[in-house]
């Protein structure tokens, strides 16, 4: 019946009461859809987000009416090779796969439609005290509306109060569909024909300004510098003298530092630790036990350099957001243009851009807190957990409750890359693993400053 005009896709839907796959159709005329793509789908009387897990040209349920995907949210946000880690996390920590996916993805990607209640001015005469309290609560909010879930938590008689106010026309219930993060763009103007035969003097002045700027300029800057208007720019474009196009930009850049950091001379102990890291096999773990000031960061940097040179990426986890800026700056000086950060203090747009940047597969270093263990680096060559003993690596809520160190071990094995656990005071369980031979052990017992006068 369907012929070859549609694909059948299995979707993990964003619904807390379901942790199974649902089948939808996707019209082939819209282009191919792949596992890992984010989609909007109908679910009961709602519209929810979901992630495509499998696709097929055959109908798995020929006896059922199958609904169609409503639209594509994002392409390729969860690479296929990455699902092993998500499924392993869900199984080990007794969480649903959906909970793990929501934890892994940047905030807002799977935001579901939200029922909200809007305040409407009117006469409260004859309404109950509970209904009046709810009405006045909405009236004093900045937007004069609130999520229904919030009202249910705040008011014990929210359900009956809502019905009472709706019957009097004093509130309105509506469905709010959050806008997921999208790429940010800037409009550029490019010079195509500098001769511009037939152009007026005013048009020539605009084209000359563009030529003096190297042939390209942001539309906003061109409008400001030439004191012209958008219709004028549009007319130049229709004449074929310029082109106007939007280009994606990243909200979070990788800043360049003029004072580029150079590799430092290692102490014998540092050099031995570096050699031990470089000798690690795929999936092996080394505990780097170095006292404060012993130069662990320099060892990390020199261990990462050959990884980037081989076209691979490195993931560096730190326990607290406060530690990220100082470490990031040093890494950016050593590897200019190749260092990105990922943590909860970034805006939704910045996390969205960072995630997409990682999917390019370019050699890079990602520095982040425990949630960064989920970042989708496709060519991972080294994972480092600094201060591996810190309790901040364990997440208690919301579910899944996981330990980033455990997930780092799984990820290193799944992606066949080494794992380095660094600490001045190793966790007891990590030291035990090193003592029994499950981990390699490297020790930095001296401060670098005391030996060579070098910064740690």
Protein backbone atom coordinates (compact mmCIF):
# COMPACT_ATOMS: atom_id res chain seq x y z
CA UNK A 1 0.00 0.00 0.00
CA UNK A 2 2.79 2.41 0.92
CA UNK A 3 5.02 1.50 -2.04
CA UNK A 4 8.44 3.14 -1.97
CA UNK A 5 7.17 6.61 -1.16
CA UNK A 6 7.81 6.42 2.60
CA UNK A 7 10.30 5.18 5.16
CA UNK A 8 9.18 3.52 8.36
CA UNK A 9 11.03 4.86 11.39
CA UNK A 10 11.22 3.60 14.97
CA UNK A 11 11.17 6.59 17.33
CA UNK A 12 11.99 6.89 21.03
CA UNK A 13 9.36 9.46 22.05
CA UNK A 14 9.72 12.09 24.74
CA UNK A 15 7.10 10.68 27.11
CA UNK A 16 8.00 9.81 30.73
CA UNK A 17 5.53 6.92 30.88
CA UNK A 18 6.91 5.16 27.80
CA UNK A 19 10.31 3.66 27.16
CA UNK A 20 9.63 1.75 23.98
CA UNK A 21 9.77 2.51 20.29
CA UNK A 22 6.86 3.73 18.20
CA UNK A 23 6.57 3.42 14.44
CA UNK A 24 5.94 6.41 12.17
CA UNK A 25 6.19 7.09 8.46
CA UNK A 26 8.51 9.56 6.77
CA UNK A 27 7.91 10.70 3.17
CA UNK A 28 10.94 9.99 1.00
CA UNK A 29 10.20 13.16 -0.93
CA UNK A 30 11.48 15.05 2.13
CA UNK A 31 14.90 13.38 1.79
CA UNK A 32 16.36 10.49 3.78
CA UNK A 33 16.04 10.29 7.55
CA UNK A 34 18.72 8.59 9.64
CA UNK A 35 19.13 7.04 13.11
CA UNK A 36 20.02 9.80 15.55
CA UNK A 37 17.84 12.45 13.88
CA UNK A 38 15.48 14.44 16.12
CA UNK A 39 11.83 14.63 15.03
CA UNK A 40 8.40 15.97 16.03
CA UNK A 41 5.75 13.25 16.12
CA UNK A 42 2.05 12.96 17.07
CA UNK A 43 1.53 11.05 20.30
CA UNK A 44 -2.05 10.61 21.41
CA UNK A 45 -3.56 14.09 21.38
CA UNK A 46 -0.15 15.73 21.78
CA UNK A 47 2.91 16.55 19.72
CA UNK A 48 6.21 15.47 21.26
CA UNK A 49 9.87 15.28 20.33
CA UNK A 50 11.68 12.04 19.69
CA UNK A 51 14.85 10.43 18.41
CA UNK A 52 14.91 8.08 15.40
CA UNK A 53 16.59 4.78 16.34
CA UNK A 54 16.02 2.64 13.24
CA UNK A 55 14.63 3.02 9.72
CA UNK A 56 13.15 0.51 7.28
CA UNK A 57 11.44 0.36 3.92
CA UNK A 58 9.13 -2.41 5.16
CA UNK A 59 6.04 -1.81 7.26
CA UNK A 60 6.53 -3.61 10.62
CA UNK A 61 2.83 -3.28 11.47
CA UNK A 62 0.79 -3.78 8.26
CA UNK A 63 -2.40 -4.26 10.28
CA UNK A 64 -2.21 -0.83 11.96
CA UNK A 65 -2.78 2.77 10.96
CA UNK A 66 0.63 4.43 11.16
CA UNK A 67 0.91 8.16 11.71
CA UNK A 68 3.46 10.33 9.94
CA UNK A 69 6.39 12.27 11.40
CA UNK A 70 5.35 15.92 11.68
CA UNK A 71 8.75 17.42 11.06
CA UNK A 72 12.51 17.19 11.42
CA UNK A 73 14.10 18.91 14.41
CA UNK A 74 17.80 18.18 14.00
CA UNK A 75 19.89 15.88 11.86
CA UNK A 76 22.48 13.47 13.24
CA UNK A 77 22.51 14.67 16.84
CA UNK A 78 23.24 11.19 18.23
CA UNK A 79 25.79 9.27 16.14
CA UNK A 80 25.08 5.56 15.72
CA UNK A 81 28.31 4.44 17.45
CA UNK A 82 27.32 6.50 20.48
CA UNK A 83 24.21 4.50 21.38
CA UNK A 84 26.20 1.76 23.17
CA UNK A 85 27.12 4.20 25.94
CA UNK A 86 23.52 5.42 26.34
CA UNK A 87 22.06 1.90 26.49
CA UNK A 88 24.77 0.72 28.89
CA UNK A 89 24.09 3.69 31.19
CA UNK A 90 20.33 3.07 31.18
CA UNK A 91 20.73 -0.62 31.96
CA UNK A 92 23.38 -0.27 34.69
CA UNK A 93 21.72 2.61 36.54
CA UNK A 94 18.15 1.28 36.14
CA UNK A 95 17.01 4.36 34.23
CA UNK A 96 14.93 4.61 31.10
CA UNK A 97 16.74 5.11 27.83
CA UNK A 98 14.76 8.31 27.36
CA UNK A 99 16.08 9.70 30.66
CA UNK A 100 19.64 9.02 29.56
CA UNK A 101 19.04 10.60 26.14
CA UNK A 102 17.58 13.71 27.78
CA UNK A 103 20.57 13.88 30.12
CA UNK A 104 23.01 13.54 27.24
CA UNK A 105 21.48 15.99 24.76
CA UNK A 106 21.88 19.78 25.00
CA UNK A 107 19.06 21.46 26.90
CA UNK A 108 15.98 22.24 24.85
CA UNK A 109 16.50 19.73 22.04
CA UNK A 110 13.58 17.54 23.13
CA UNK A 111 11.48 20.20 24.85
CA UNK A 112 7.91 18.96 24.80
CA UNK A 113 4.80 21.14 24.37
CA UNK A 114 3.73 22.59 27.69
CA UNK A 115 0.23 23.28 28.94
CA UNK A 116 0.04 26.82 30.31
CA UNK A 117 -2.70 28.82 32.06
CA UNK A 118 -3.25 32.47 31.10
CA UNK A 119 -4.84 35.05 33.44
CA UNK A 120 -7.85 36.98 32.11
CA UNK A 121 -9.24 40.07 33.80
CA UNK A 122 -12.81 39.83 35.09
CA UNK A 123 -15.20 39.74 38.04
CA UNK A 124 -14.36 37.26 40.84
CA UNK A 125 -17.69 37.66 42.64
CA UNK A 126 -19.07 34.29 43.74
CA UNK A 127 -15.85 32.32 43.17
CA UNK A 128 -14.27 30.16 45.87
CA UNK A 129 -11.32 31.35 47.95
CA UNK A 130 -9.08 28.70 46.37
CA UNK A 131 -9.99 29.88 42.87
CA UNK A 132 -9.35 33.50 43.86
CA UNK A 133 -5.88 32.60 45.20
CA UNK A 134 -4.97 30.92 41.93
CA UNK A 135 -6.32 33.86 39.90
CA UNK A 136 -4.39 36.44 41.94
CA UNK A 137 -1.21 34.32 41.70
CA UNK A 138 -1.43 34.44 37.89
CA UNK A 139 -2.28 38.15 37.90
CA UNK A 140 0.95 39.06 39.69
CA UNK A 141 3.25 37.06 37.41
CA UNK A 142 5.25 39.04 34.86
CA UNK A 143 3.75 37.21 31.88
CA UNK A 144 0.45 36.57 33.71
CA UNK A 145 0.67 32.90 32.77
CA UNK A 146 2.21 29.78 34.32
CA UNK A 147 2.86 26.15 33.48
CA UNK A 148 0.03 23.90 34.60
CA UNK A 149 2.52 21.57 36.31
CA UNK A 150 3.74 24.50 38.41
CA UNK A 151 0.22 25.42 39.48
CA UNK A 152 -0.52 21.83 40.47
CA UNK A 153 2.51 21.87 42.75
CA UNK A 154 1.71 25.26 44.27
CA UNK A 155 -2.04 24.84 44.90
CA UNK A 156 -3.70 21.85 46.56
CA UNK A 157 -7.05 22.46 44.79
CA UNK A 158 -5.62 23.49 41.43
CA UNK A 159 -7.81 21.14 39.35
CA UNK A 160 -11.17 22.31 40.77
CA UNK A 161 -10.04 25.94 40.88
CA UNK A 162 -9.03 25.82 37.22
CA UNK A 163 -12.41 24.41 36.16
CA UNK A 164 -14.19 27.08 38.16
CA UNK A 165 -12.15 29.92 36.65
CA UNK A 166 -12.46 28.51 33.12
CA UNK A 167 -16.24 28.33 33.47
CA UNK A 168 -16.27 32.04 34.36
CA UNK A 169 -13.87 32.95 31.52
CA UNK A 170 -11.25 34.16 34.01
CA UNK A 171 -8.40 31.98 32.71
CA UNK A 172 -7.49 30.31 29.45
CA UNK A 173 -5.63 27.02 28.94
CA UNK A 174 -3.34 26.76 25.92
CA UNK A 175 -0.51 24.60 24.58
CA UNK A 176 2.91 26.24 24.37
CA UNK A 177 5.43 24.62 22.05
CA UNK A 178 8.99 25.64 23.02
CA UNK A 179 11.26 26.61 20.16
CA UNK A 180 14.31 24.30 20.18
CA UNK A 181 17.78 25.82 19.71
CA UNK A 182 18.62 26.65 16.11
CA UNK A 183 21.80 27.70 14.31
CA UNK A 184 22.59 31.40 14.56
CA UNK A 185 23.21 33.16 11.26
CA UNK A 186 24.65 36.43 9.98
CA UNK A 187 23.88 37.98 6.59
CA UNK A 188 26.94 38.66 4.40
CA UNK A 189 27.18 40.66 1.19
CA UNK A 190 29.71 39.51 -1.43
CA UNK A 191 30.86 41.52 -4.46
CA UNK A 192 30.36 39.58 -7.72
CA UNK A 193 30.76 42.14 -10.55
CA UNK A 194 32.93 45.14 -9.63
CA UNK A 195 32.45 46.69 -13.12
CA UNK A 196 28.67 46.97 -12.65
CA UNK A 197 28.01 48.45 -16.08
CA UNK A 198 24.99 50.72 -15.92
CA UNK A 199 25.17 51.37 -12.19
CA UNK A 200 24.25 54.80 -10.87
CA UNK A 201 26.87 56.88 -9.01
CA UNK A 202 25.18 56.01 -5.71
CA UNK A 203 25.20 52.30 -6.53
CA UNK A 204 28.86 52.53 -7.55
CA UNK A 205 29.71 54.12 -4.22
CA UNK A 206 28.18 51.15 -2.39
CA UNK A 207 30.05 48.66 -4.58
CA UNK A 208 33.34 50.51 -4.09
CA UNK A 209 32.87 50.41 -0.32
CA UNK A 210 32.39 46.67 -0.60
CA UNK A 211 35.48 46.34 -2.81
CA UNK A 212 37.63 48.33 -0.38
CA UNK A 213 36.59 45.91 2.39
CA UNK A 214 38.01 42.94 0.50
CA UNK A 215 34.84 42.11 -1.42
CA UNK A 216 32.84 40.91 1.59
CA UNK A 217 31.07 42.64 4.44
CA UNK A 218 28.32 41.98 6.93
CA UNK A 219 25.02 43.41 5.70
CA UNK A 220 24.57 45.44 8.89
CA UNK A 221 28.05 46.97 8.50
CA UNK A 222 27.49 47.77 4.82
CA UNK A 223 24.18 49.47 5.59
CA UNK A 224 25.84 51.52 8.35
CA UNK A 225 28.96 52.52 6.41
CA UNK A 226 27.12 53.50 3.21
CA UNK A 227 24.00 54.87 4.94
CA UNK A 228 21.84 52.94 2.51
CA UNK A 229 18.74 50.75 2.80
CA UNK A 230 17.89 47.08 2.38
CA UNK A 231 15.78 47.71 -0.78
CA UNK A 232 18.83 49.31 -2.39
CA UNK A 233 20.98 46.29 -1.50
CA UNK A 234 18.25 44.01 -2.85
CA UNK A 235 18.25 45.90 -6.18
CA UNK A 236 22.04 45.48 -6.48
CA UNK A 237 21.54 41.76 -5.87
CA UNK A 238 18.85 41.43 -8.56
CA UNK A 239 21.25 43.11 -11.01
CA UNK A 240 23.76 40.32 -10.30
CA UNK A 241 26.42 42.71 -8.99
CA UNK A 242 26.41 41.33 -5.45
CA UNK A 243 25.13 38.29 -3.60
CA UNK A 244 23.42 38.35 -0.21
CA UNK A 245 23.48 35.15 1.85
CA UNK A 246 23.09 34.01 5.46
CA UNK A 247 25.97 32.09 7.05
CA UNK A 248 25.97 30.09 10.25
CA UNK A 249 28.08 31.38 13.12
CA UNK A 250 28.95 29.75 16.42
CA UNK A 251 27.73 31.44 19.58
CA UNK A 252 30.74 30.11 21.44
CA UNK A 253 34.00 30.63 19.62
CA UNK A 254 37.44 29.17 20.24
CA UNK A 255 39.41 32.37 20.98
CA UNK A 256 42.95 32.81 19.80
CA UNK A 257 45.63 33.85 22.33
CA UNK A 258 48.56 35.95 21.08
CA UNK A 259 50.85 34.56 23.82
CA UNK A 260 50.80 30.96 22.65
CA UNK A 261 51.96 28.52 25.30
CA UNK A 262 54.95 26.32 24.46
CA UNK A 263 55.63 22.80 25.79
CA UNK A 264 57.74 22.90 28.94
CA UNK A 265 60.72 20.74 29.78
CA UNK A 266 59.48 17.79 31.81
CA UNK A 267 61.06 16.47 34.96
CA UNK A 268 62.17 12.83 34.86
CA UNK A 269 59.03 11.81 36.80
CA UNK A 270 56.78 13.78 34.44
CA UNK A 271 58.51 12.29 31.42
CA UNK A 272 58.04 8.77 32.82
CA UNK A 273 54.33 9.46 33.43
CA UNK A 274 53.96 10.75 29.86
CA UNK A 275 55.64 7.64 28.48
CA UNK A 276 53.29 5.45 30.54
CA UNK A 277 50.26 7.29 29.14
CA UNK A 278 51.52 6.95 25.58
CA UNK A 279 52.09 3.23 26.13
CA UNK A 280 48.48 2.61 27.18
CA UNK A 281 46.51 0.27 24.98
CA UNK A 282 42.91 0.79 23.77
CA UNK A 283 40.51 0.93 26.72
CA UNK A 284 43.29 0.82 29.36
CA UNK A 285 43.26 3.12 32.41
CA UNK A 286 46.14 4.88 34.16
CA UNK A 287 45.92 6.54 37.58
CA UNK A 288 48.15 9.62 37.63
CA UNK A 289 48.83 10.30 41.31
CA UNK A 290 50.52 13.66 41.53
CA UNK A 291 50.73 15.99 44.48
CA UNK A 292 49.50 19.57 44.08
CA UNK A 293 51.98 21.49 41.91
CA UNK A 294 53.61 18.38 40.45
CA UNK A 295 52.73 19.37 36.88
CA UNK A 296 49.86 17.05 35.99
CA UNK A 297 48.40 19.63 33.60
CA UNK A 298 51.61 19.82 31.58
CA UNK A 299 51.60 16.03 31.30
CA UNK A 300 47.99 16.19 30.07
CA UNK A 301 48.92 18.79 27.46
CA UNK A 302 51.86 16.82 26.11
CA UNK A 303 49.80 13.62 26.06
CA UNK A 304 47.07 15.35 24.03
CA UNK A 305 49.37 16.92 21.42
CA UNK A 306 50.08 13.69 19.47
CA UNK A 307 46.40 12.72 19.70
CA UNK A 308 45.42 15.91 17.84
CA UNK A 309 48.29 15.43 15.37
CA UNK A 310 46.83 12.02 14.49
CA UNK A 311 43.44 13.58 13.66
CA UNK A 312 41.75 12.47 16.87
CA UNK A 313 40.13 14.40 19.74
CA UNK A 314 40.54 14.50 23.50
CA UNK A 315 37.95 14.86 26.27
CA UNK A 316 39.03 16.48 29.54
CA UNK A 317 36.62 16.42 32.50
CA UNK A 318 36.86 18.68 35.55
CA UNK A 319 34.64 18.43 38.65
CA UNK A 320 33.46 22.04 38.90
CA UNK A 321 32.54 24.78 36.43
CA UNK A 322 34.75 27.16 38.41
CA UNK A 323 37.83 25.18 37.40
CA UNK A 324 37.01 25.37 33.70
CA UNK A 325 38.15 28.95 32.79
CA UNK A 326 41.70 28.69 34.14
CA UNK A 327 42.26 25.27 32.61
CA UNK A 328 40.61 26.28 29.34
CA UNK A 329 42.80 29.35 28.93
CA UNK A 330 45.98 27.31 29.27
CA UNK A 331 44.72 24.69 26.83
CA UNK A 332 43.69 27.41 24.35
CA UNK A 333 47.16 28.91 24.46
CA UNK A 334 48.68 25.50 23.76
CA UNK A 335 46.11 24.42 21.12
CA UNK A 336 44.72 27.66 19.63
CA UNK A 337 41.43 27.28 17.80
CA UNK A 338 40.96 23.65 18.87
CA UNK A 339 39.55 23.94 22.40
CA UNK A 340 35.85 24.02 23.30
CA UNK A 341 34.00 23.98 26.60
CA UNK A 342 30.77 22.21 27.50
CA UNK A 343 28.93 22.61 30.80
CA UNK A 344 25.57 23.63 32.26
CA UNK A 345 26.53 27.31 32.67
CA UNK A 346 26.50 27.79 28.89
CA UNK A 347 23.32 29.03 27.24
CA UNK A 348 21.14 26.55 25.36
CA UNK A 349 22.37 28.05 22.09
CA UNK A 350 26.04 27.77 23.09
CA UNK A 351 25.65 24.11 24.08
CA UNK A 352 23.78 23.46 20.85
CA UNK A 353 26.60 25.01 18.80
CA UNK A 354 29.30 23.18 20.77
CA UNK A 355 27.51 19.87 20.20
CA UNK A 356 27.26 20.48 16.44
CA UNK A 357 30.92 21.52 16.31
CA UNK A 358 31.94 18.20 17.85
CA UNK A 359 29.96 16.29 15.22
CA UNK A 360 32.21 17.68 12.48
CA UNK A 361 34.88 15.17 13.48
CA UNK A 362 37.67 17.76 13.40
CA UNK A 363 40.52 17.21 15.90
CA UNK A 364 39.65 19.16 19.04
CA UNK A 365 39.84 19.25 22.83
CA UNK A 366 36.59 19.45 24.80
CA UNK A 367 36.79 20.57 28.44
CA UNK A 368 33.70 20.15 30.58
CA UNK A 369 32.03 18.95 33.75
CA UNK A 370 30.43 15.54 34.27
CA UNK A 371 27.71 16.05 31.63
CA UNK A 372 30.47 16.39 29.02
CA UNK A 373 31.05 12.63 29.29
CA UNK A 374 28.18 12.37 26.80
CA UNK A 375 29.57 14.75 24.14
CA UNK A 376 29.55 13.16 20.65
CA UNK A 377 33.22 13.30 19.69
CA UNK A 378 33.39 10.79 16.80
CA UNK A 379 37.17 10.22 16.81
CA UNK A 380 38.02 10.05 20.49
CA UNK A 381 41.70 9.39 21.16
CA UNK A 382 42.08 10.15 24.89
CA UNK A 383 39.85 10.75 27.95
CA UNK A 384 41.17 12.53 31.05
CA UNK A 385 39.38 12.96 34.40
CA UNK A 386 41.16 15.59 36.47
CA UNK A 387 40.62 15.45 40.25
CA UNK A 388 39.01 12.03 39.72
CA UNK A 389 38.31 11.65 43.45
CA UNK A 390 35.91 14.62 43.55
CA UNK A 391 32.30 13.73 44.54
CA UNK A 392 30.98 16.24 41.97
CA UNK A 393 31.49 13.58 39.30
CA UNK A 394 28.50 11.75 40.74
CA UNK A 395 25.02 12.90 39.72
CA UNK A 396 22.21 12.19 42.16
CA UNK A 397 19.28 13.93 40.50
CA UNK A 398 17.58 14.14 38.12
CA UNK A 399 17.76 10.55 36.88
CA UNK A 400 19.89 8.88 35.76
CA UNK A 401 22.08 8.88 38.87
CA UNK A 402 25.49 8.12 37.39
CA UNK A 403 29.20 8.48 38.10
CA UNK A 404 31.14 10.16 35.30
CA UNK A 405 34.24 8.11 36.15
CA UNK A 406 32.35 4.87 35.52
CA UNK A 407 30.96 6.18 32.24
CA UNK A 408 34.44 7.36 31.23
CA UNK A 409 35.72 3.81 31.67
CA UNK A 410 32.91 2.43 29.51
CA UNK A 411 33.44 5.07 26.87
CA UNK A 412 37.18 4.45 26.71
CA UNK A 413 36.56 0.74 26.17
CA UNK A 414 33.76 1.29 23.65
CA UNK A 415 35.84 3.72 21.60
CA UNK A 416 39.19 1.91 22.09
CA UNK A 417 41.06 4.84 23.62
CA UNK A 418 43.06 5.27 26.87
CA UNK A 419 41.68 6.82 30.06
CA UNK A 420 43.77 8.88 32.49
CA UNK A 421 42.52 9.50 36.05
CA UNK A 422 44.44 12.34 37.67
CA UNK A 423 44.42 13.31 41.34
CA UNK A 424 46.51 14.55 44.23
CA UNK A 425 44.37 12.41 46.56
CA UNK A 426 43.07 9.43 44.55
CA UNK A 427 39.77 7.81 45.43
CA UNK A 428 40.25 4.67 47.51
CA UNK A 429 38.61 2.49 44.87
CA UNK A 430 40.87 3.89 42.13
CA UNK A 431 44.00 3.28 44.19
CA UNK A 432 42.80 -0.25 44.92
CA UNK A 433 42.34 -0.90 41.20
CA UNK A 434 45.88 0.35 40.58
CA UNK A 435 47.30 -1.81 43.38
CA UNK A 436 45.73 -4.98 42.03
CA UNK A 437 46.89 -4.21 38.48
CA UNK A 438 43.56 -3.33 36.87
CA UNK A 439 44.89 0.23 36.34
CA UNK A 440 48.41 1.36 35.48
CA UNK A 441 49.94 3.72 38.06
CA UNK A 442 52.16 6.77 37.55
CA UNK A 443 53.32 8.88 40.50
CA UNK A 444 54.48 12.51 40.61
CA UNK A 445 55.77 12.91 44.20
CA UNK A 446 57.49 16.31 43.84
CA UNK A 447 56.46 19.85 43.05
CA UNK A 448 57.79 21.04 39.71
CA UNK A 449 58.48 24.54 41.03
CA UNK A 450 60.81 23.12 43.69
CA UNK A 451 62.81 21.20 41.09
CA UNK A 452 63.13 23.43 38.04
CA UNK A 453 61.44 26.66 39.00
CA UNK A 454 58.78 25.97 36.35
CA UNK A 455 55.08 26.70 36.82
CA UNK A 456 53.07 23.55 37.66
